[in-house]
Amino acid sequence: MPDIEILWLQCTISNHLFYVACCYHPPKPKYDPAALVNKFNADLQFIIDRQACPLIVIAGDFNSFDTTFLETDFGLTQIVTETTHGFNTLDHWRNFTLKSVGDQ
């Protein structure tokens, strides 16, 4: 596995289970960015397969990495709406709650 920097935490707050990912994607990674996409896809699918309605937060410094797949593939919402470095939004916060079929 390439040197991908993601730390997942499983937390329980007021009887609610949360999954929190902290990620750093360097400006010049030593790995193919597709490896980071694949890692997130695998990790998120692992959580979704085991939890009916997971509460997921992903935070990190992604530099120029395109995180839109998190929204299109998993429904995560970008929370940071202002620039975080110069004219760019490099720091991302995404949250996600998967509703069960009965909740829709």
C-alpha atoms as a PDB file:
ATOM      1  CA  MET A   1       0.000   0.000   0.000  1.00  0.00           C
ATOM      2  CA  PRO A   2       1.403   3.424  -0.869  1.00  0.00           C
ATOM      3  CA  ASP A   3       2.076   5.994   1.849  1.00  0.00           C
ATOM      4  CA  ILE A   4      -1.507   7.253   2.071  1.00  0.00           C
ATOM      5  CA  GLU A   5      -2.162   9.288   5.205  1.00  0.00           C
ATOM      6  CA  ILE A   6      -5.670   8.542   6.492  1.00  0.00           C
ATOM      7  CA  LEU A   7      -6.520   7.965  10.132  1.00  0.00           C
ATOM      8  CA  TRP A   8     -10.014   6.641  10.868  1.00  0.00           C
ATOM      9  CA  LEU A   9     -11.534   7.013  14.322  1.00  0.00           C
ATOM     10  CA  GLN A  10     -14.667   5.325  15.576  1.00  0.00           C
ATOM     11  CA  CYS A  11     -16.284   7.447  18.283  1.00  0.00           C
ATOM     12  CA  THR A  12     -19.405   7.160  20.373  1.00  0.00           C
ATOM     13  CA  ILE A  13     -20.950  10.399  21.583  1.00  0.00           C
ATOM     14  CA  SER A  14     -24.289  10.343  23.414  1.00  0.00           C
ATOM     15  CA  ASN A  15     -24.939   6.809  22.174  1.00  0.00           C
ATOM     16  CA  HIS A  16     -24.332   7.855  18.532  1.00  0.00           C
ATOM     17  CA  LEU A  17     -21.588   6.082  16.612  1.00  0.00           C
ATOM     18  CA  PHE A  18     -19.440   8.343  14.408  1.00  0.00           C
ATOM     19  CA  TYR A  19     -16.677   7.532  11.959  1.00  0.00           C
ATOM     20  CA  VAL A  20     -14.140  10.313  11.536  1.00  0.00           C
ATOM     21  CA  ALA A  21     -11.380  10.311   8.931  1.00  0.00           C
ATOM     22  CA  CYS A  22      -8.417  12.677   9.047  1.00  0.00           C
ATOM     23  CA  CYS A  23      -6.469  12.812   5.797  1.00  0.00           C
ATOM     24  CA  TYR A  24      -3.410  14.572   4.420  1.00  0.00           C
ATOM     25  CA  HIS A  25      -2.733  14.535   0.685  1.00  0.00           C
ATOM     26  CA  PRO A  26       0.611  16.209  -0.039  1.00  0.00           C
ATOM     27  CA  PRO A  27       1.038  18.670  -2.914  1.00  0.00           C
ATOM     28  CA  LYS A  28       3.395  16.224  -4.653  1.00  0.00           C
ATOM     29  CA  PRO A  29       2.375  12.734  -3.479  1.00  0.00           C
ATOM     30  CA  LYS A  30       4.652   9.749  -4.060  1.00  0.00           C
ATOM     31  CA  TYR A  31       1.587   7.692  -5.000  1.00  0.00           C
ATOM     32  CA  ASP A  32      -0.945   7.794  -7.805  1.00  0.00           C
ATOM     33  CA  PRO A  33      -3.933   9.892  -6.598  1.00  0.00           C
ATOM     34  CA  ALA A  34      -6.183   7.078  -7.854  1.00  0.00           C
ATOM     35  CA  ALA A  35      -4.824   5.037  -4.920  1.00  0.00           C
ATOM     36  CA  LEU A  36      -6.345   7.577  -2.508  1.00  0.00           C
ATOM     37  CA  VAL A  37      -9.687   7.377  -4.324  1.00  0.00           C
ATOM     38  CA  ASN A  38      -9.559   3.571  -4.115  1.00  0.00           C
ATOM     39  CA  LYS A  39      -8.671   3.699  -0.396  1.00  0.00           C
ATOM     40  CA  PHE A  40     -11.576   6.017   0.420  1.00  0.00           C
ATOM     41  CA  ASN A  41     -13.945   3.915  -1.688  1.00  0.00           C
ATOM     42  CA  ALA A  42     -12.893   0.721   0.102  1.00  0.00           C
ATOM     43  CA  ASP A  43     -13.008   2.280   3.578  1.00  0.00           C
ATOM     44  CA  LEU A  44     -16.397   3.904   3.067  1.00  0.00           C
ATOM     45  CA  GLN A  45     -17.883   0.750   1.568  1.00  0.00           C
ATOM     46  CA  PHE A  46     -16.557  -1.241   4.542  1.00  0.00           C
ATOM     47  CA  ILE A  47     -18.355   1.129   6.945  1.00  0.00           C
ATOM     48  CA  ILE A  48     -21.578   1.244   4.922  1.00  0.00           C
ATOM     49  CA  ASP A  49     -21.697  -2.558   4.697  1.00  0.00           C
ATOM     50  CA  ARG A  50     -21.526  -2.852   8.503  1.00  0.00           C
ATOM     51  CA  GLN A  51     -23.654   0.079   9.694  1.00  0.00           C
ATOM     52  CA  ALA A  52     -27.207   0.807   8.569  1.00  0.00           C
ATOM     53  CA  CYS A  53     -27.040   4.590   9.057  1.00  0.00           C
ATOM     54  CA  PRO A  54     -23.404   5.611   9.512  1.00  0.00           C
ATOM     55  CA  LEU A  55     -22.476   9.117  10.559  1.00  0.00           C
ATOM     56  CA  ILE A  56     -19.246   9.942   8.752  1.00  0.00           C
ATOM     57  CA  VAL A  57     -17.017  13.008   8.861  1.00  0.00           C
ATOM     58  CA  ILE A  58     -13.962  13.384   6.641  1.00  0.00           C
ATOM     59  CA  ALA A  59     -11.566  16.243   7.326  1.00  0.00           C
ATOM     60  CA  GLY A  60      -8.213  17.007   5.885  1.00  0.00           C
ATOM     61  CA  ASP A  61      -5.745  18.969   3.870  1.00  0.00           C
ATOM     62  CA  PHE A  62      -6.233  17.657   0.356  1.00  0.00           C
ATOM     63  CA  ASN A  63      -4.224  20.317  -1.507  1.00  0.00           C
ATOM     64  CA  SER A  64      -5.138  19.987  -5.206  1.00  0.00           C
ATOM     65  CA  PHE A  65      -6.788  16.562  -4.860  1.00  0.00           C
ATOM     66  CA  ASP A  66     -10.288  16.477  -6.370  1.00  0.00           C
ATOM     67  CA  THR A  67     -12.669  15.244  -3.660  1.00  0.00           C
ATOM     68  CA  THR A  68     -15.893  15.593  -5.652  1.00  0.00           C
ATOM     69  CA  PHE A  69     -16.157  11.789  -5.920  1.00  0.00           C
ATOM     70  CA  LEU A  70     -16.992  11.788  -2.199  1.00  0.00           C
ATOM     71  CA  GLU A  71     -20.093  13.821  -3.003  1.00  0.00           C
ATOM     72  CA  THR A  72     -21.099  12.108  -6.237  1.00  0.00           C
ATOM     73  CA  ASP A  73     -20.392   8.525  -5.143  1.00  0.00           C
ATOM     74  CA  PHE A  74     -21.257   8.717  -1.433  1.00  0.00           C
ATOM     75  CA  GLY A  75     -23.368  11.840  -0.913  1.00  0.00           C
ATOM     76  CA  LEU A  76     -20.926  13.610   1.381  1.00  0.00           C
ATOM     77  CA  THR A  77     -21.424  17.356   1.653  1.00  0.00           C
ATOM     78  CA  GLN A  78     -18.578  19.874   1.541  1.00  0.00           C
ATOM     79  CA  ILE A  79     -18.907  22.050   4.636  1.00  0.00           C
ATOM     80  CA  VAL A  80     -15.995  24.464   4.056  1.00  0.00           C
ATOM     81  CA  THR A  81     -17.232  27.162   1.684  1.00  0.00           C
ATOM     82  CA  GLU A  82     -14.501  29.792   2.099  1.00  0.00           C
ATOM     83  CA  THR A  83     -10.928  29.800   0.870  1.00  0.00           C
ATOM     84  CA  THR A  84      -8.438  28.280   3.293  1.00  0.00           C
ATOM     85  CA  HIS A  85      -5.170  29.126   1.531  1.00  0.00           C
ATOM     86  CA  GLY A  86      -4.858  32.127  -0.753  1.00  0.00           C
ATOM     87  CA  PHE A  87      -7.669  31.820  -3.315  1.00  0.00           C
ATOM     88  CA  ASN A  88      -8.096  28.049  -2.861  1.00  0.00           C
ATOM     89  CA  THR A  89     -10.089  25.775  -0.601  1.00  0.00           C
ATOM     90  CA  LEU A  90      -7.466  23.194   0.330  1.00  0.00           C
ATOM     91  CA  ASP A  91      -8.938  22.096   3.646  1.00  0.00           C
ATOM     92  CA  HIS A  92     -12.102  20.072   3.344  1.00  0.00           C
ATOM     93  CA  TRP A  93     -14.755  18.980   5.818  1.00  0.00           C
ATOM     94  CA  ARG A  94     -17.355  16.573   4.538  1.00  0.00           C
ATOM     95  CA  ASN A  95     -20.167  14.996   6.455  1.00  0.00           C
ATOM     96  CA  PHE A  96     -22.391  12.126   5.536  1.00  0.00           C
ATOM     97  CA  THR A  97     -25.355  10.333   6.980  1.00  0.00           C
ATOM     98  CA  LEU A  98     -26.687   7.337   5.119  1.00  0.00           C
ATOM     99  CA  LYS A  99     -30.402   6.944   5.686  1.00  0.00           C
ATOM    100  CA  SER A 100     -31.870   3.484   5.780  1.00  0.00           C
ATOM    101  CA  VAL A 101     -34.593   2.580   3.265  1.00  0.00           C
ATOM    102  CA  GLY A 102     -37.238   3.012   5.958  1.00  0.00           C
ATOM    103  CA  ASP A 103     -36.144   6.635   6.599  1.00  0.00           C
ATOM    104  CA  GLN A 104     -36.688   7.830   3.020  1.00  0.00           C
END
